[in-house]
Structure formats: structure tokens, C-alpha cells
N, C-alpha and C. Protein backbone atom coordinates (compact mmCIF):
# COMPACT_ATOMS: atom_id res chain seq x y z
N MET A 1 28.22 -27.07 9.73
CA MET A 1 26.57 -26.95 9.72
C MET A 1 26.33 -28.30 8.63
N ASN A 2 24.71 -28.53 8.34
CA ASN A 2 24.61 -29.74 7.36
C ASN A 2 24.28 -29.13 5.66
N ILE A 3 25.07 -29.45 4.98
CA ILE A 3 24.45 -29.33 3.59
C ILE A 3 23.57 -29.32 3.37
N TYR A 4 22.62 -29.46 3.77
CA TYR A 4 21.07 -29.21 3.04
C TYR A 4 20.29 -28.20 3.58
N ILE A 5 20.88 -28.25 5.15
CA ILE A 5 20.14 -26.79 5.75
C ILE A 5 20.62 -25.98 5.00
N MET A 6 22.13 -25.24 4.89
CA MET A 6 22.77 -24.61 3.85
C MET A 6 21.81 -24.33 2.25
N GLN A 7 22.04 -25.75 2.04
CA GLN A 7 21.15 -25.33 0.18
C GLN A 7 19.83 -24.46 1.05
N ASN A 8 18.90 -25.07 1.44
CA ASN A 8 17.48 -24.90 1.95
C ASN A 8 17.29 -23.14 2.22
N LYS A 9 18.43 -22.57 2.80
CA LYS A 9 18.40 -21.04 3.53
C LYS A 9 19.37 -20.19 1.83
N GLU A 10 20.08 -20.78 1.18
CA GLU A 10 19.99 -20.39 0.23
C GLU A 10 18.75 -20.36 -1.26
N LEU A 11 18.11 -21.63 -0.98
CA LEU A 11 16.47 -21.65 -1.87
C LEU A 11 16.06 -20.65 -1.21
N LEU A 12 15.80 -20.13 0.06
CA LEU A 12 14.86 -19.10 0.77
C LEU A 12 15.74 -18.25 0.49
N GLN A 13 16.53 -17.90 0.64
CA GLN A 13 16.95 -16.64 -0.11
C GLN A 13 16.62 -15.78 -1.19
N ASN A 14 16.69 -17.32 -2.15
CA ASN A 14 16.42 -16.94 -3.42
C ASN A 14 14.85 -16.35 -3.83
N PHE A 15 14.09 -17.30 -3.11
CA PHE A 15 12.62 -17.23 -3.28
C PHE A 15 12.38 -15.40 -2.78
N ARG A 16 12.95 -15.25 -0.98
CA ARG A 16 12.84 -14.44 -0.72
C ARG A 16 13.14 -12.75 -1.71
N GLU A 17 14.57 -13.45 -2.57
CA GLU A 17 14.69 -11.77 -3.22
C GLU A 17 13.70 -11.69 -4.64
N GLN A 18 13.27 -13.08 -5.54
CA GLN A 18 12.19 -12.91 -6.60
C GLN A 18 10.78 -12.56 -5.85
N ILE A 19 10.66 -12.56 -4.73
CA ILE A 19 9.12 -12.22 -3.84
C ILE A 19 9.64 -10.48 -4.08
N ASP A 20 10.58 -10.32 -3.70
CA ASP A 20 11.21 -8.62 -3.59
C ASP A 20 11.06 -7.90 -4.86
N THR A 21 11.52 -8.83 -5.96
CA THR A 21 11.92 -7.99 -6.90
C THR A 21 10.08 -7.85 -8.12
N LEU A 22 9.61 -8.87 -7.50
CA LEU A 22 8.50 -8.97 -7.96
C LEU A 22 7.22 -7.97 -7.05
N ASP A 23 7.62 -7.72 -6.18
CA ASP A 23 6.40 -6.82 -5.23
C ASP A 23 7.44 -5.55 -5.67
N ARG A 24 8.42 -4.95 -6.10
CA ARG A 24 8.80 -3.52 -6.48
C ARG A 24 7.90 -3.44 -8.45
N GLU A 25 7.93 -4.54 -8.98
CA GLU A 25 7.16 -4.49 -9.80
C GLU A 25 5.79 -4.19 -9.74
N VAL A 26 4.93 -4.69 -8.78
CA VAL A 26 4.07 -4.48 -8.87
C VAL A 26 3.59 -3.50 -8.34
N LEU A 27 4.27 -2.44 -7.27
CA LEU A 27 4.62 -1.56 -7.30
C LEU A 27 4.44 -0.32 -8.53
N TYR A 28 5.08 -0.49 -9.12
CA TYR A 28 6.00 0.33 -10.21
C TYR A 28 4.96 0.32 -11.35
N LEU A 29 3.63 -0.95 -11.61
CA LEU A 29 2.86 -0.96 -12.18
C LEU A 29 1.48 -0.20 -11.37
N LEU A 30 1.65 -0.47 -10.51
CA LEU A 30 0.51 0.56 -9.69
C LEU A 30 0.71 1.99 -10.23
N SER A 31 2.10 2.28 -9.81
CA SER A 31 2.07 4.36 -9.97
C SER A 31 1.63 4.18 -11.41
N ARG A 32 1.97 3.02 -12.49
CA ARG A 32 2.05 4.41 -13.53
C ARG A 32 0.19 3.72 -13.40
N ARG A 33 -0.59 2.94 -13.11
CA ARG A 33 -1.45 2.55 -13.14
C ARG A 33 -2.33 4.13 -13.03
N PHE A 34 -2.23 4.26 -11.41
CA PHE A 34 -2.53 6.00 -11.12
C PHE A 34 -2.07 6.66 -11.63
N THR A 35 -1.05 7.49 -12.68
CA THR A 35 -0.31 8.28 -13.36
C THR A 35 -1.45 8.48 -14.22
N ILE A 36 -2.00 7.30 -14.83
CA ILE A 36 -3.16 6.92 -16.11
C ILE A 36 -4.28 7.43 -15.59
N VAL A 37 -4.87 6.94 -14.00
CA VAL A 37 -5.66 7.33 -13.34
C VAL A 37 -5.93 9.13 -13.68
N ASN A 38 -5.23 9.52 -13.74
CA ASN A 38 -4.67 11.26 -13.08
C ASN A 38 -4.87 11.70 -14.62
N GLU A 39 -4.87 10.92 -15.26
CA GLU A 39 -5.10 11.82 -16.66
C GLU A 39 -6.66 11.32 -17.10
N ILE A 40 -7.29 10.57 -16.60
CA ILE A 40 -8.70 9.94 -16.99
C ILE A 40 -9.67 11.28 -16.07
N TRP A 41 -8.96 11.43 -15.13
CA TRP A 41 -9.64 12.44 -13.84
C TRP A 41 -9.10 13.61 -14.83
N LYS A 42 -8.11 13.65 -15.36
CA LYS A 42 -8.72 15.76 -16.01
C LYS A 42 -9.37 15.63 -17.09
N LEU A 43 -9.37 14.34 -18.35
CA LEU A 43 -10.67 14.29 -18.88
C LEU A 43 -11.68 14.36 -18.22
N LYS A 44 -12.20 13.96 -17.18
CA LYS A 44 -13.48 13.41 -16.75
C LYS A 44 -13.88 14.77 -16.69
N LYS A 45 -12.83 15.54 -15.70
CA LYS A 45 -13.13 16.93 -15.06
C LYS A 45 -13.74 17.73 -16.47
N GLN A 46 -12.68 17.54 -17.44
CA GLN A 46 -13.09 18.59 -18.24
C GLN A 46 -14.71 18.94 -19.11
N GLU A 47 -15.30 17.51 -19.15
CA GLU A 47 -16.50 16.84 -20.10
C GLU A 47 -17.42 17.27 -18.68
N ASN A 48 -17.29 17.02 -17.10
CA ASN A 48 -17.55 17.13 -16.27
C ASN A 48 -18.51 15.72 -16.16
N ILE A 49 -17.97 14.69 -16.58
CA ILE A 49 -18.12 12.85 -16.31
C ILE A 49 -18.13 13.49 -14.49
N PRO A 50 -18.80 12.33 -14.17
CA PRO A 50 -18.04 12.00 -12.36
C PRO A 50 -17.10 11.18 -12.36
N PRO A 51 -16.62 11.21 -11.09
CA PRO A 51 -15.32 9.67 -10.80
C PRO A 51 -16.11 8.49 -11.10
N LEU A 52 -17.00 8.26 -10.53
CA LEU A 52 -17.65 6.90 -10.33
C LEU A 52 -18.19 6.96 -11.03
N GLN A 53 -18.16 6.13 -12.06
CA GLN A 53 -19.07 5.59 -13.18
C GLN A 53 -19.64 3.83 -12.85
N GLU A 54 -20.47 3.53 -12.17
CA GLU A 54 -21.46 2.77 -12.05
C GLU A 54 -20.54 0.96 -12.53
N ASP A 55 -21.11 1.71 -13.97
CA ASP A 55 -21.45 0.62 -15.11
C ASP A 55 -20.27 -0.15 -14.90
N ARG A 56 -19.34 1.10 -15.59
CA ARG A 56 -18.46 0.76 -15.95
C ARG A 56 -17.11 0.14 -14.89
N TRP A 57 -17.44 0.38 -13.55
CA TRP A 57 -16.92 -0.14 -12.20
C TRP A 57 -16.71 -1.40 -12.18
N ASN A 58 -18.04 -2.46 -12.60
CA ASN A 58 -18.67 -3.23 -12.37
C ASN A 58 -18.32 -4.12 -13.55
N GLU A 59 -18.25 -3.35 -14.98
CA GLU A 59 -17.56 -4.01 -16.09
C GLU A 59 -16.25 -4.62 -16.17
N VAL A 60 -15.30 -3.58 -15.09
CA VAL A 60 -13.83 -3.85 -14.84
C VAL A 60 -13.68 -4.24 -13.88
N LEU A 61 -14.00 -4.76 -12.51
CA LEU A 61 -14.26 -5.66 -11.55
C LEU A 61 -14.47 -6.91 -11.90
N GLU A 62 -16.03 -7.31 -12.99
CA GLU A 62 -15.92 -8.63 -13.32
C GLU A 62 -14.90 -8.84 -14.50
N ASN A 63 -14.89 -8.23 -15.07
CA ASN A 63 -13.05 -8.82 -16.08
C ASN A 63 -12.06 -8.95 -15.38
N LYS A 64 -11.76 -8.42 -13.73
CA LYS A 64 -10.70 -8.98 -12.90
C LYS A 64 -11.00 -10.16 -12.69
N ILE A 65 -12.05 -10.46 -12.68
CA ILE A 65 -12.11 -12.09 -10.99
C ILE A 65 -12.24 -13.05 -12.32
N GLU A 66 -13.06 -12.89 -13.51
CA GLU A 66 -12.68 -13.74 -14.72
C GLU A 66 -11.03 -13.95 -14.93
N VAL A 67 -10.42 -13.26 -15.23
CA VAL A 67 -9.06 -13.16 -15.45
C VAL A 67 -8.61 -13.80 -14.04
N TRP A 68 -8.51 -13.31 -13.18
CA TRP A 68 -7.42 -13.77 -12.40
C TRP A 68 -8.05 -14.77 -11.58
N THR A 69 -9.22 -15.27 -12.24
CA THR A 69 -9.61 -17.03 -11.70
C THR A 69 -9.07 -17.84 -12.20
N GLU A 70 -8.70 -17.24 -12.97
CA GLU A 70 -7.53 -18.84 -14.30
C GLU A 70 -6.46 -18.87 -13.51
N PHE A 71 -6.15 -17.64 -12.30
CA PHE A 71 -4.67 -18.24 -11.82
C PHE A 71 -4.83 -18.69 -10.59
N TRP A 72 -6.46 -19.25 -10.10
CA TRP A 72 -6.45 -19.83 -9.23
C TRP A 72 -6.47 -18.73 -7.93
N LEU A 73 -6.56 -17.96 -8.02
CA LEU A 73 -7.03 -16.81 -6.76
C LEU A 73 -8.15 -17.03 -6.64
N LYS A 74 -8.17 -16.80 -5.77
CA LYS A 74 -10.15 -16.38 -4.39
C LYS A 74 -10.41 -15.04 -5.54
N LYS A 75 -11.89 -15.09 -5.37
CA LYS A 75 -12.59 -13.94 -5.92
C LYS A 75 -12.82 -13.16 -4.84
N GLU A 76 -12.84 -13.41 -3.42
CA GLU A 76 -12.82 -12.51 -2.37
C GLU A 76 -11.43 -11.73 -2.56
N PHE A 77 -10.53 -12.28 -2.48
CA PHE A 77 -8.89 -11.40 -2.70
C PHE A 77 -9.14 -10.80 -3.92
N ILE A 78 -9.23 -11.15 -4.92
CA ILE A 78 -9.76 -10.47 -6.19
C ILE A 78 -10.53 -9.09 -5.87
N GLU A 79 -11.32 -9.39 -5.61
CA GLU A 79 -12.70 -8.39 -4.97
C GLU A 79 -12.46 -7.05 -4.22
N ASP A 80 -11.43 -7.57 -3.43
CA ASP A 80 -10.59 -6.68 -1.93
C ASP A 80 -9.76 -6.03 -2.73
N ILE A 81 -8.68 -6.58 -3.38
CA ILE A 81 -7.38 -5.85 -3.99
C ILE A 81 -8.13 -4.59 -5.11
N TRP A 82 -9.24 -5.07 -6.30
CA TRP A 82 -9.39 -4.07 -6.57
C TRP A 82 -10.22 -2.70 -6.45
N ASN A 83 -10.78 -3.22 -5.07
CA ASN A 83 -11.91 -2.59 -4.45
C ASN A 83 -11.33 -1.28 -3.72
N ARG A 84 -10.16 -1.72 -3.31
CA ARG A 84 -8.85 -1.30 -2.51
C ARG A 84 -7.91 -0.22 -3.37
N ILE A 85 -7.53 -0.72 -4.90
CA ILE A 85 -7.33 -0.16 -5.66
C ILE A 85 -7.93 0.70 -6.50
N HIS A 86 -10.02 0.82 -6.41
CA HIS A 86 -10.58 1.67 -7.07
C HIS A 86 -10.46 2.81 -6.13
N LYS A 87 -10.53 2.81 -5.07
CA LYS A 87 -10.74 3.31 -3.75
C LYS A 87 -10.09 4.43 -4.03
N GLU A 88 -8.82 4.44 -4.21
CA GLU A 88 -7.60 5.09 -4.37
C GLU A 88 -7.63 5.67 -5.20
N ALA A 89 -7.94 5.31 -6.77
CA ALA A 89 -8.12 5.87 -7.94
C ALA A 89 -9.24 7.04 -7.97
N LEU A 90 -11.08 6.83 -7.16
CA LEU A 90 -11.58 7.72 -6.90
C LEU A 90 -10.88 9.21 -6.27
N GLU A 91 -10.15 8.42 -5.24
CA GLU A 91 -9.20 9.51 -4.41
C GLU A 91 -8.89 10.61 -5.31
N ILE A 92 -8.20 10.50 -6.20
CA ILE A 92 -7.10 10.37 -7.42
C ILE A 92 -8.22 11.87 -7.79
N GLU A 93 -9.05 11.34 -8.56
CA GLU A 93 -10.22 12.28 -9.36
C GLU A 93 -11.15 12.85 -8.15
N LYS A 94 -10.73 13.27 -6.87
CA LYS A 94 -11.76 14.01 -6.33
C LYS A 94 -11.16 15.28 -6.40
């Protein structure tokens, strides 16, 4: 086998391993986030605060867009991700 092909395969494998590690970290962080959401839900329930607070959500989303566009991610991508995360959080708070 050509040495360049072997090096490329090793490089590809290395990149895949890095992605796998990052994916695990993302999932771990999401899990931690939803644990905190559950605690927020308990507090909101005690205080009779509705799960959805529109002003807070708009503030959060705008902040995420500002921060993540610094990393050259598309606004639509960020909105899609955070809307899905928020939807899941609202499910926890029901």
C-alpha cells in the first residue's frame, strides 16, 4: 500500500477519534444542562412560574447567536439547535 494512502487513513482515523470524543463531551454537557433545567423546573413549580418565559427565551437565543457567530456558524444552524434544546427543556418543565 502506498505510504501516502496509509498516512491519510491514519489521519482520517485520528480525526474520527477526535470527533467521537467531542461528541461525547457535547452529550455530557447537554445532560448536565438538562439536569439544571430540572432544578429550574422545581423552582418554577414552587413559585407558579410558567415554563415558557418569552422574554428570557428571546434573550437567551439572541445571546447564543451573537456568541456562536463569532465561531462562523450560521445563524439558522444556531437557531435550529437552540430551538430544539429549548423544546426539550420545556418538555422537562411540564
